[in-house]
Amino acid sequence: MIYHIVLRSGPCECLMSSTDPEEFEETVLNGQKPREAQYIGRYLIEGILGEGAMGVVYKGFDTTIRRHVAIKTIHARLLLQSDGEEFLERFRREAQAAGRLVHPNVVTVFEFGHHEDTPYLVLEFIPGRELRDIMNEGDVPLETTRRIFTQILSGLSVAHTAGIVHRDIKPQNIFVMSDGLTKVGDFGIARIDATGYTRTGIILGTPSYMSPEQFTGGELDQRSDLYAASALLYEMLTGVKVVTGKTITEVMYSVLEKQPPRVNTLVESVPESIAAVVDKGLAKLPDDRYQSAEEFRAAFEAACAESSIGLESSDSAQVRFASSSTLTADAMRAVDTGIEIDDATWRTLINRRARDSLAPNASELLQKVALSTLNYDDLICFLEGLGHESDPRLATYALAAELSTGDSEKTENSLLECSVRDLANSTARIE
């Protein structure tokens, strides 16, 4: 048996393992540091990000690609139980489901493997917070709700298109980064079409966000996720859960039989148009709800526009969003009229254009190289190039993504500088 302990000293923590229980106890009592670095596969373990009913999530460092990752493992006790294979199958399913999805609003899965008979899943490390933590801080402003929720629907849309039903949408499975980018994660109980993984009569999910058909054992499709998303939206708008009950029986009765108070009866500042969107999303019958995430998003955006809650154009294939770093109207006018703006604003402009296609570290590298390589006029052309589909833009993005995975202090950026110049030169500014 392998024993694990996390040694903490103030804000720091590290993981050690031992096969000797006496050595384990002695280390605890003496407060010794691990004698050597600990690994899962090729990943150096740096600490624990969280622990839940199924397992532990570690913060790791990929020593080959040199990037931080999250490593999800299963509690050994679960694998030893009679239904251990079911837990392991759910774990594999998360890898299979999320591994098929590549989208800015979905947590990326890198690898599934085994280490000393322990299965693990390597995920994109998200330097942000769970939506639950944000909601626990108090009322979520309408604009923040709009920004986050449209991205949730964007992530669900790509999953549903791939034939994947998440089945456990809740605040703890939504991750919000510091720049506002929102990602849907944890496909551990997702159902993949055309597989035999789902067994009749098994109820999986989180009761407060489960659809009526999940409780009754009915057929599930993307509309079950949209119900859960509506329940999440309800809570973001009101600060209270859409269903009440101290027991699973009471919660089930609430979901199946009771109509929750409308959001604008609980919070008068919520516009009627948005309340109507929530009402439809929470319909008891799937046929009465939105039939796709795209339909839901269009209705929500229209309601926000009617209520004068800031929106960007919804014409693009992916949801773009505002954040604390969004450019002001004055900065946008400055670019259009040729008035020079500072480097911080240029960084924000480039990040806004690249955000849907590049990870934060790649976007940061692109900003740095563009600012050090181009003059003001070329920066304008470069920015225009980032806004249009083209071979030079795709080449620049691909190179920035590749270089950003290396050691930033040693990375040779001359190739990226050439690519940035090519993109600027290939773009004629639209007057």
Protein backbone atom coordinates (compact mmCIF):
# COMPACT_ATOMS: atom_id res chain seq x y z
CA MET A 1 0.00 0.00 0.00
CA ILE A 2 1.22 3.50 -0.81
CA TYR A 3 0.73 6.20 1.82
CA HIS A 4 0.40 9.84 0.82
CA ILE A 5 0.83 12.96 2.90
CA VAL A 6 0.78 16.63 2.10
CA LEU A 7 3.31 18.66 4.06
CA ARG A 8 2.27 22.27 4.55
CA SER A 9 4.30 25.24 5.69
CA GLY A 10 2.25 28.42 5.51
CA PRO A 11 0.89 28.69 1.98
CA CYS A 12 3.27 26.03 0.63
CA GLU A 13 2.56 22.36 0.31
CA CYS A 14 4.21 19.35 -1.23
CA LEU A 15 3.34 15.68 -1.72
CA MET A 16 5.36 12.72 -0.56
CA SER A 17 4.69 8.99 -0.80
CA SER A 18 5.91 6.00 1.15
CA THR A 19 5.22 2.29 1.27
CA ASP A 20 6.25 2.11 4.94
CA PRO A 21 3.61 3.25 7.48
CA GLU A 22 6.24 3.77 10.18
CA GLU A 23 8.26 6.00 7.86
CA PHE A 24 5.02 7.83 7.04
CA GLU A 25 4.29 8.46 10.74
CA GLU A 26 7.87 9.46 11.52
CA THR A 27 7.84 12.00 8.71
CA VAL A 28 4.63 13.53 10.04
CA LEU A 29 5.96 13.80 13.57
CA ASN A 30 9.32 15.22 12.61
CA GLY A 31 8.01 17.54 9.89
CA GLN A 32 10.69 16.37 7.49
CA LYS A 33 10.58 17.33 3.84
CA PRO A 34 10.41 14.59 1.21
CA ARG A 35 13.82 13.17 0.42
CA GLU A 36 13.21 13.32 -3.30
CA ALA A 37 10.81 14.77 -5.83
CA GLN A 38 7.64 12.79 -6.44
CA TYR A 39 6.24 12.02 -9.88
CA ILE A 40 3.14 10.63 -11.53
CA GLY A 41 4.38 9.43 -14.88
CA ARG A 42 6.59 12.20 -16.23
CA TYR A 43 4.77 14.84 -14.17
CA LEU A 44 6.46 16.40 -11.16
CA ILE A 45 3.94 16.80 -8.33
CA GLU A 46 3.93 20.31 -6.87
CA GLY A 47 0.90 20.17 -4.58
CA ILE A 48 -2.80 19.42 -4.22
CA LEU A 49 -5.42 21.51 -6.00
CA GLY A 50 -8.44 19.79 -4.49
CA GLU A 51 -9.97 16.57 -3.22
CA GLY A 52 -13.44 15.21 -3.77
CA ALA A 53 -15.51 12.07 -3.40
CA MET A 54 -13.82 10.35 -6.34
CA GLY A 55 -10.20 11.37 -5.93
CA VAL A 56 -7.47 13.95 -5.64
CA VAL A 57 -6.45 16.59 -8.16
CA TYR A 58 -2.76 17.47 -8.05
CA LYS A 59 -0.89 20.38 -9.54
CA GLY A 60 1.88 18.96 -11.67
CA PHE A 61 4.60 20.07 -14.03
CA ASP A 62 5.16 18.37 -17.38
CA THR A 63 8.93 17.95 -17.48
CA THR A 64 8.93 17.23 -21.21
CA ILE A 65 6.77 20.05 -22.59
CA ARG A 66 7.51 22.27 -19.55
CA ARG A 67 4.04 23.40 -18.62
CA HIS A 68 1.85 23.14 -15.56
CA VAL A 69 -0.99 20.64 -15.63
CA ALA A 70 -3.74 19.32 -13.35
CA ILE A 71 -3.59 15.57 -12.63
CA LYS A 72 -6.79 13.86 -11.54
CA THR A 73 -6.58 10.50 -9.75
CA ILE A 74 -9.11 8.07 -8.27
CA HIS A 75 -9.17 7.13 -4.59
CA ALA A 76 -7.75 3.62 -4.26
CA ARG A 77 -10.58 2.63 -1.91
CA LEU A 78 -13.11 3.18 -4.68
CA LEU A 79 -11.29 0.85 -7.05
CA LEU A 80 -11.23 -1.88 -4.39
CA GLN A 81 -15.00 -1.80 -3.89
CA SER A 82 -17.40 -4.13 -5.69
CA ASP A 83 -18.29 -1.38 -8.15
CA GLY A 84 -14.67 -0.30 -8.62
CA GLU A 85 -14.83 -1.08 -12.31
CA GLU A 86 -17.74 1.35 -12.66
CA PHE A 87 -15.67 4.15 -11.14
CA LEU A 88 -12.77 3.31 -13.40
CA GLU A 89 -15.06 3.24 -16.42
CA ARG A 90 -16.39 6.69 -15.52
CA PHE A 91 -12.82 7.90 -15.28
CA ARG A 92 -11.95 6.51 -18.70
CA ARG A 93 -15.12 8.06 -20.03
CA GLU A 94 -14.02 11.51 -18.88
CA ALA A 95 -10.81 11.10 -20.85
CA GLN A 96 -12.64 9.86 -23.92
CA ALA A 97 -15.34 12.51 -23.78
CA ALA A 98 -13.27 15.59 -23.01
CA GLY A 99 -10.40 14.41 -25.20
CA ARG A 100 -12.65 14.81 -28.22
CA LEU A 101 -13.29 18.46 -27.45
CA VAL A 102 -10.92 21.26 -28.44
CA HIS A 103 -12.48 24.63 -27.69
CA PRO A 104 -11.57 27.73 -25.64
CA ASN A 105 -14.58 27.14 -23.34
CA VAL A 106 -13.81 23.49 -22.54
CA VAL A 107 -11.04 22.25 -20.24
CA THR A 108 -8.52 20.40 -22.44
CA VAL A 109 -7.59 16.79 -21.67
CA PHE A 110 -3.99 15.88 -22.53
CA GLU A 111 -3.49 12.28 -21.43
CA PHE A 112 -4.92 9.22 -19.67
CA GLY A 113 -2.55 6.74 -18.06
CA HIS A 114 -1.65 4.53 -15.10
CA HIS A 115 1.05 5.02 -12.48
CA GLU A 116 1.75 2.16 -10.05
CA ASP A 117 -1.75 0.76 -10.70
CA THR A 118 -3.32 4.19 -10.13
CA PRO A 119 -5.21 5.64 -13.12
CA TYR A 120 -4.70 9.32 -13.77
CA LEU A 121 -5.98 11.97 -16.12
CA VAL A 122 -3.84 14.93 -17.19
CA LEU A 123 -5.80 18.13 -17.74
CA GLU A 124 -5.14 21.71 -18.70
CA PHE A 125 -4.14 23.70 -15.62
CA ILE A 126 -6.61 26.56 -15.16
CA PRO A 127 -5.11 29.55 -13.30
CA GLY A 128 -8.51 30.72 -12.15
CA ARG A 129 -11.36 29.92 -9.81
CA GLU A 130 -14.47 27.79 -9.68
CA LEU A 131 -17.68 29.64 -10.43
CA ARG A 132 -18.89 28.46 -7.01
CA ASP A 133 -16.19 30.58 -5.33
CA ILE A 134 -17.28 33.65 -7.30
CA MET A 135 -20.93 33.08 -6.42
CA ASN A 136 -20.08 32.60 -2.74
CA GLU A 137 -18.61 36.11 -2.64
CA GLY A 138 -22.06 37.68 -3.11
CA ASP A 139 -24.25 39.01 -5.88
CA VAL A 140 -22.91 38.44 -9.38
CA PRO A 141 -23.43 41.54 -11.58
CA LEU A 142 -25.64 41.08 -14.63
CA GLU A 143 -22.81 41.86 -17.04
CA THR A 144 -20.55 39.31 -15.35
CA THR A 145 -23.38 36.77 -15.46
CA ARG A 146 -23.85 37.44 -19.17
CA ARG A 147 -20.15 37.13 -19.90
CA ILE A 148 -19.77 33.83 -18.03
CA PHE A 149 -23.03 32.22 -19.06
CA THR A 150 -22.66 32.78 -22.79
CA GLN A 151 -19.30 31.02 -22.62
CA ILE A 152 -20.82 28.09 -20.74
CA LEU A 153 -23.36 27.72 -23.53
CA SER A 154 -20.58 27.96 -26.09
CA GLY A 155 -18.70 25.10 -24.42
CA LEU A 156 -21.87 23.01 -24.17
CA SER A 157 -22.64 23.66 -27.82
CA VAL A 158 -19.38 22.12 -29.01
CA ALA A 159 -19.83 19.17 -26.64
CA HIS A 160 -23.37 18.50 -27.82
CA THR A 161 -22.29 18.77 -31.44
CA ALA A 162 -19.74 16.03 -30.69
CA GLY A 163 -22.51 13.84 -29.28
CA ILE A 164 -21.58 14.36 -25.62
CA VAL A 165 -24.04 15.10 -22.81
CA HIS A 166 -22.23 16.40 -19.73
CA ARG A 167 -24.91 15.44 -17.14
CA ASP A 168 -23.32 17.33 -14.24
CA ILE A 169 -23.32 21.06 -15.01
CA LYS A 170 -22.89 22.92 -11.73
CA PRO A 171 -20.81 25.85 -10.40
CA GLN A 172 -18.02 23.55 -9.21
CA ASN A 173 -17.48 22.33 -12.78
CA ILE A 174 -17.20 25.82 -14.28
CA PHE A 175 -13.80 27.52 -14.14
CA VAL A 176 -13.26 31.26 -14.64
CA MET A 177 -9.82 32.65 -15.40
CA SER A 178 -8.56 36.06 -14.34
CA ASP A 179 -9.13 37.55 -17.80
CA GLY A 180 -12.75 36.35 -17.87
CA LEU A 181 -12.26 33.24 -20.00
CA THR A 182 -14.69 30.57 -18.77
CA LYS A 183 -14.28 26.81 -19.26
CA VAL A 184 -16.56 23.82 -18.70
CA GLY A 185 -14.78 20.89 -17.07
CA ASP A 186 -15.27 17.48 -15.45
CA PHE A 187 -16.88 15.20 -18.01
CA GLY A 188 -16.57 12.29 -15.58
CA ILE A 189 -20.19 11.20 -15.92
CA ALA A 190 -20.72 12.42 -19.46
CA ARG A 191 -22.62 10.12 -21.76
CA ILE A 192 -21.17 9.51 -25.19
CA ASP A 193 -23.56 8.54 -27.94
CA ALA A 194 -23.31 5.05 -29.44
CA THR A 195 -21.70 3.48 -26.36
CA GLY A 196 -22.99 1.03 -23.81
CA TYR A 197 -21.63 2.85 -20.80
CA THR A 198 -24.94 4.11 -19.39
CA ARG A 199 -26.84 1.51 -17.37
CA THR A 200 -30.62 1.77 -17.01
CA GLY A 201 -31.79 2.94 -13.62
CA ILE A 202 -28.54 4.63 -12.53
CA ILE A 203 -28.94 8.26 -11.49
CA LEU A 204 -25.78 10.32 -11.79
CA GLY A 205 -25.44 14.03 -11.26
CA THR A 206 -25.81 16.72 -8.59
CA PRO A 207 -29.44 16.84 -7.31
CA SER A 208 -29.80 20.64 -7.17
CA TYR A 209 -29.04 20.92 -10.90
CA MET A 210 -30.52 17.68 -12.24
CA SER A 211 -33.30 17.74 -14.80
CA PRO A 212 -36.65 16.03 -14.18
CA GLU A 213 -35.78 13.25 -16.60
CA GLN A 214 -32.59 12.50 -14.69
CA PHE A 215 -34.65 11.76 -11.58
CA THR A 216 -37.19 9.65 -13.42
CA GLY A 217 -34.61 7.66 -15.37
CA GLY A 218 -35.83 9.01 -18.70
CA GLU A 219 -33.82 9.34 -21.88
CA LEU A 220 -31.22 12.09 -21.60
CA ASP A 221 -29.99 14.40 -24.31
CA GLN A 222 -28.51 17.89 -24.59
CA ARG A 223 -31.70 19.41 -23.19
CA SER A 224 -30.88 17.93 -19.77
CA ASP A 225 -27.66 19.95 -19.77
CA LEU A 226 -29.62 23.04 -20.75
CA TYR A 227 -31.95 22.54 -17.80
CA ALA A 228 -28.92 22.32 -15.48
CA ALA A 229 -27.45 25.42 -17.11
CA SER A 230 -30.74 27.23 -16.49
CA ALA A 231 -30.65 26.19 -12.83
CA LEU A 232 -27.12 27.57 -12.63
CA LEU A 233 -28.23 30.82 -14.31
CA TYR A 234 -31.12 31.08 -11.84
CA GLU A 235 -28.68 30.84 -8.93
CA MET A 236 -26.28 33.37 -10.45
CA LEU A 237 -29.13 35.86 -10.83
CA THR A 238 -30.78 35.33 -7.44
CA GLY A 239 -28.19 33.88 -5.12
CA VAL A 240 -30.47 30.94 -4.24
CA LYS A 241 -30.82 27.45 -5.70
CA VAL A 242 -33.74 26.77 -7.99
CA VAL A 243 -34.83 23.77 -5.89
CA THR A 244 -35.12 23.34 -2.14
CA GLY A 245 -35.14 20.33 0.15
CA LYS A 246 -33.18 18.77 2.97
CA THR A 247 -33.36 15.25 1.56
CA ILE A 248 -33.05 13.78 -1.91
CA THR A 249 -36.78 12.97 -1.79
CA GLU A 250 -37.66 16.61 -1.10
CA VAL A 251 -35.33 17.80 -3.86
CA MET A 252 -36.84 15.31 -6.30
CA TYR A 253 -40.36 16.46 -5.45
CA SER A 254 -39.31 20.08 -5.94
CA VAL A 255 -37.82 19.34 -9.37
CA LEU A 256 -40.72 17.22 -10.58
CA GLU A 257 -43.72 19.04 -9.12
CA LYS A 258 -42.97 22.56 -7.91
CA GLN A 259 -42.52 25.76 -9.89
CA PRO A 260 -39.73 27.94 -8.48
CA PRO A 261 -40.34 31.66 -7.88
CA ARG A 262 -39.50 33.69 -10.97
CA VAL A 263 -36.06 35.28 -10.80
CA ASN A 264 -37.44 38.84 -11.01
CA THR A 265 -39.75 38.23 -8.06
CA LEU A 266 -36.68 37.43 -5.97
CA VAL A 267 -34.47 40.14 -7.48
CA GLU A 268 -36.44 43.02 -8.92
CA SER A 269 -33.50 44.35 -10.91
CA VAL A 270 -33.49 41.28 -13.18
CA PRO A 271 -35.21 42.32 -16.44
CA GLU A 272 -38.41 40.57 -17.48
CA SER A 273 -36.85 39.48 -20.76
CA ILE A 274 -34.14 37.55 -18.91
CA ALA A 275 -36.65 36.08 -16.45
CA ALA A 276 -38.63 34.70 -19.40
CA VAL A 277 -35.49 33.04 -20.80
CA VAL A 278 -34.85 31.35 -17.44
CA ASP A 279 -38.46 30.19 -17.24
CA LYS A 280 -38.21 28.42 -20.59
CA GLY A 281 -34.88 26.85 -19.71
CA LEU A 282 -36.41 25.34 -16.55
CA ALA A 283 -39.45 23.83 -18.26
CA LYS A 284 -40.36 20.42 -16.83
CA LEU A 285 -40.70 18.82 -20.27
CA PRO A 286 -37.64 18.74 -22.56
CA ASP A 287 -39.77 19.68 -25.59
CA ASP A 288 -40.74 22.93 -23.86
CA ARG A 289 -37.13 24.00 -23.27
CA TYR A 290 -34.54 25.35 -25.66
CA GLN A 291 -33.60 22.58 -28.05
CA SER A 292 -29.93 23.48 -28.43
CA ALA A 293 -27.26 25.49 -26.67
CA GLU A 294 -27.08 27.81 -29.69
CA GLU A 295 -30.82 28.52 -29.49
CA PHE A 296 -30.48 29.17 -25.76
CA ARG A 297 -27.53 31.49 -26.28
CA ALA A 298 -29.30 33.47 -29.00
CA ALA A 299 -32.36 33.94 -26.77
CA PHE A 300 -30.23 34.97 -23.80
CA GLU A 301 -28.18 37.42 -25.82
CA ALA A 302 -31.34 38.94 -27.30
CA ALA A 303 -32.79 39.34 -23.80
CA CYS A 304 -29.60 40.99 -22.60
CA ALA A 305 -29.58 43.33 -25.61
CA GLU A 306 -33.20 44.26 -24.96
CA SER A 307 -32.22 45.04 -21.38
CA SER A 308 -29.18 47.08 -22.49
CA ILE A 309 -26.71 44.68 -20.89
CA GLY A 310 -23.44 45.02 -22.84
CA LEU A 311 -23.09 42.60 -25.72
CA GLU A 312 -20.66 42.10 -28.51
CA SER A 313 -21.77 41.00 -31.94
CA SER A 314 -23.07 37.44 -31.93
CA ASP A 315 -22.20 36.90 -35.59
CA SER A 316 -18.91 35.14 -34.85
CA ALA A 317 -18.76 31.38 -34.59
CA GLN A 318 -17.44 31.59 -31.05
CA VAL A 319 -18.59 33.69 -28.11
CA ARG A 320 -16.42 36.68 -27.37
CA PHE A 321 -16.77 38.44 -24.10
CA ALA A 322 -16.01 41.56 -22.14
CA SER A 323 -13.83 41.59 -19.03
CA SER A 324 -12.04 44.01 -16.76
CA SER A 325 -9.38 44.35 -19.44
CA THR A 326 -11.78 45.05 -22.29
CA LEU A 327 -10.88 48.06 -24.41
CA THR A 328 -12.85 51.19 -23.84
CA ALA A 329 -14.68 52.87 -26.70
CA ASP A 330 -12.08 55.66 -26.59
CA ALA A 331 -9.27 53.16 -27.17
CA MET A 332 -11.09 51.63 -30.12
CA ARG A 333 -11.62 55.07 -31.63
CA ALA A 334 -7.94 55.80 -31.08
CA VAL A 335 -6.98 52.87 -33.30
CA ASP A 336 -9.43 53.95 -35.99
CA THR A 337 -8.19 57.54 -36.05
CA GLY A 338 -4.47 56.83 -35.71
CA ILE A 339 -4.08 58.33 -32.24
CA GLU A 340 -1.24 56.53 -30.52
CA ILE A 341 -2.10 54.39 -27.49
CA ASP A 342 0.13 52.83 -24.86
CA ASP A 343 1.58 49.33 -24.81
CA ALA A 344 -0.86 48.10 -22.16
CA THR A 345 -3.78 48.91 -24.44
CA TRP A 346 -2.06 47.26 -27.38
CA ARG A 347 -1.59 44.13 -25.28
CA THR A 348 -5.28 44.14 -24.47
CA LEU A 349 -6.23 44.61 -28.11
CA ILE A 350 -4.05 41.70 -29.22
CA ASN A 351 -5.26 39.50 -26.38
CA ARG A 352 -8.87 40.23 -27.26
CA ARG A 353 -8.33 39.18 -30.88
CA ALA A 354 -6.26 36.08 -30.00
CA ARG A 355 -8.25 34.92 -26.98
CA ASP A 356 -10.53 32.50 -28.83
CA SER A 357 -7.61 30.71 -30.49
CA LEU A 358 -4.65 30.86 -28.12
CA ALA A 359 -3.94 29.86 -24.55
CA PRO A 360 -3.01 32.80 -22.25
CA ASN A 361 0.72 32.05 -22.30
CA ALA A 362 0.75 31.93 -26.12
CA SER A 363 -1.24 35.16 -26.33
CA GLU A 364 1.20 36.83 -23.93
CA LEU A 365 4.14 35.73 -26.07
CA LEU A 366 2.42 37.06 -29.18
CA GLN A 367 1.82 40.42 -27.50
CA LYS A 368 5.44 40.69 -26.38
CA VAL A 369 6.88 39.86 -29.80
CA ALA A 370 4.47 42.14 -31.68
CA LEU A 371 5.24 45.13 -29.44
CA SER A 372 8.98 44.61 -29.70
CA THR A 373 8.94 44.02 -33.47
CA LEU A 374 6.40 46.37 -35.05
CA ASN A 375 5.99 50.13 -35.24
CA TYR A 376 2.62 51.78 -34.65
CA ASP A 377 1.31 51.57 -38.22
CA ASP A 378 2.38 47.95 -38.55
CA LEU A 379 0.71 47.13 -35.25
CA ILE A 380 -2.57 48.40 -36.68
CA CYS A 381 -2.15 46.14 -39.73
CA PHE A 382 -1.15 43.25 -37.49
CA LEU A 383 -4.25 43.75 -35.35
CA GLU A 384 -6.45 43.80 -38.44
CA GLY A 385 -4.81 40.56 -39.55
CA LEU A 386 -5.70 38.88 -36.26
CA GLY A 387 -9.34 39.64 -36.95
CA HIS A 388 -9.55 37.85 -40.31
CA GLU A 389 -9.10 34.22 -41.31
CA SER A 390 -5.89 33.85 -43.31
CA ASP A 391 -2.93 31.53 -43.77
CA PRO A 392 -0.46 34.04 -42.23
CA ARG A 393 -2.67 34.41 -39.16
CA LEU A 394 -3.00 30.66 -38.71
CA ALA A 395 0.76 30.24 -39.13
CA THR A 396 1.42 32.95 -36.54
CA TYR A 397 -0.98 31.39 -34.05
CA ALA A 398 0.51 27.93 -34.54
CA LEU A 399 4.06 29.20 -34.03
CA ALA A 400 3.12 31.23 -30.94
CA ALA A 401 1.41 28.18 -29.44
CA GLU A 402 4.45 25.98 -30.14
CA LEU A 403 7.00 28.42 -28.75
CA SER A 404 4.95 29.20 -25.65
CA THR A 405 5.27 25.62 -24.40
CA GLY A 406 9.04 25.99 -23.97
CA ASP A 407 11.13 27.83 -21.42
CA SER A 408 10.15 31.48 -21.93
CA GLU A 409 13.58 32.72 -20.85
CA LYS A 410 15.37 30.59 -23.43
CA THR A 411 12.85 30.62 -26.27
CA GLU A 412 14.22 31.88 -29.57
CA ASN A 413 11.57 34.20 -30.96
CA SER A 414 13.18 35.18 -34.26
CA LEU A 415 10.86 32.89 -36.23
CA LEU A 416 7.83 34.37 -34.51
CA GLU A 417 9.10 37.89 -35.20
CA CYS A 418 9.28 37.05 -38.90
CA SER A 419 5.80 35.55 -38.82
CA VAL A 420 4.42 38.63 -37.05
CA ARG A 421 5.97 40.90 -39.69
CA ASP A 422 4.56 38.71 -42.48
CA LEU A 423 1.07 38.94 -41.01
CA ALA A 424 1.32 42.72 -40.68
CA ASN A 425 2.64 43.08 -44.24
CA SER A 426 -0.03 40.81 -45.68
CA THR A 427 -2.88 42.83 -44.19
CA ALA A 428 -4.14 46.02 -45.82
CA ARG A 429 -5.82 48.15 -43.20
CA ILE A 430 -9.49 48.73 -43.89
CA GLU A 431 -10.11 52.45 -43.78
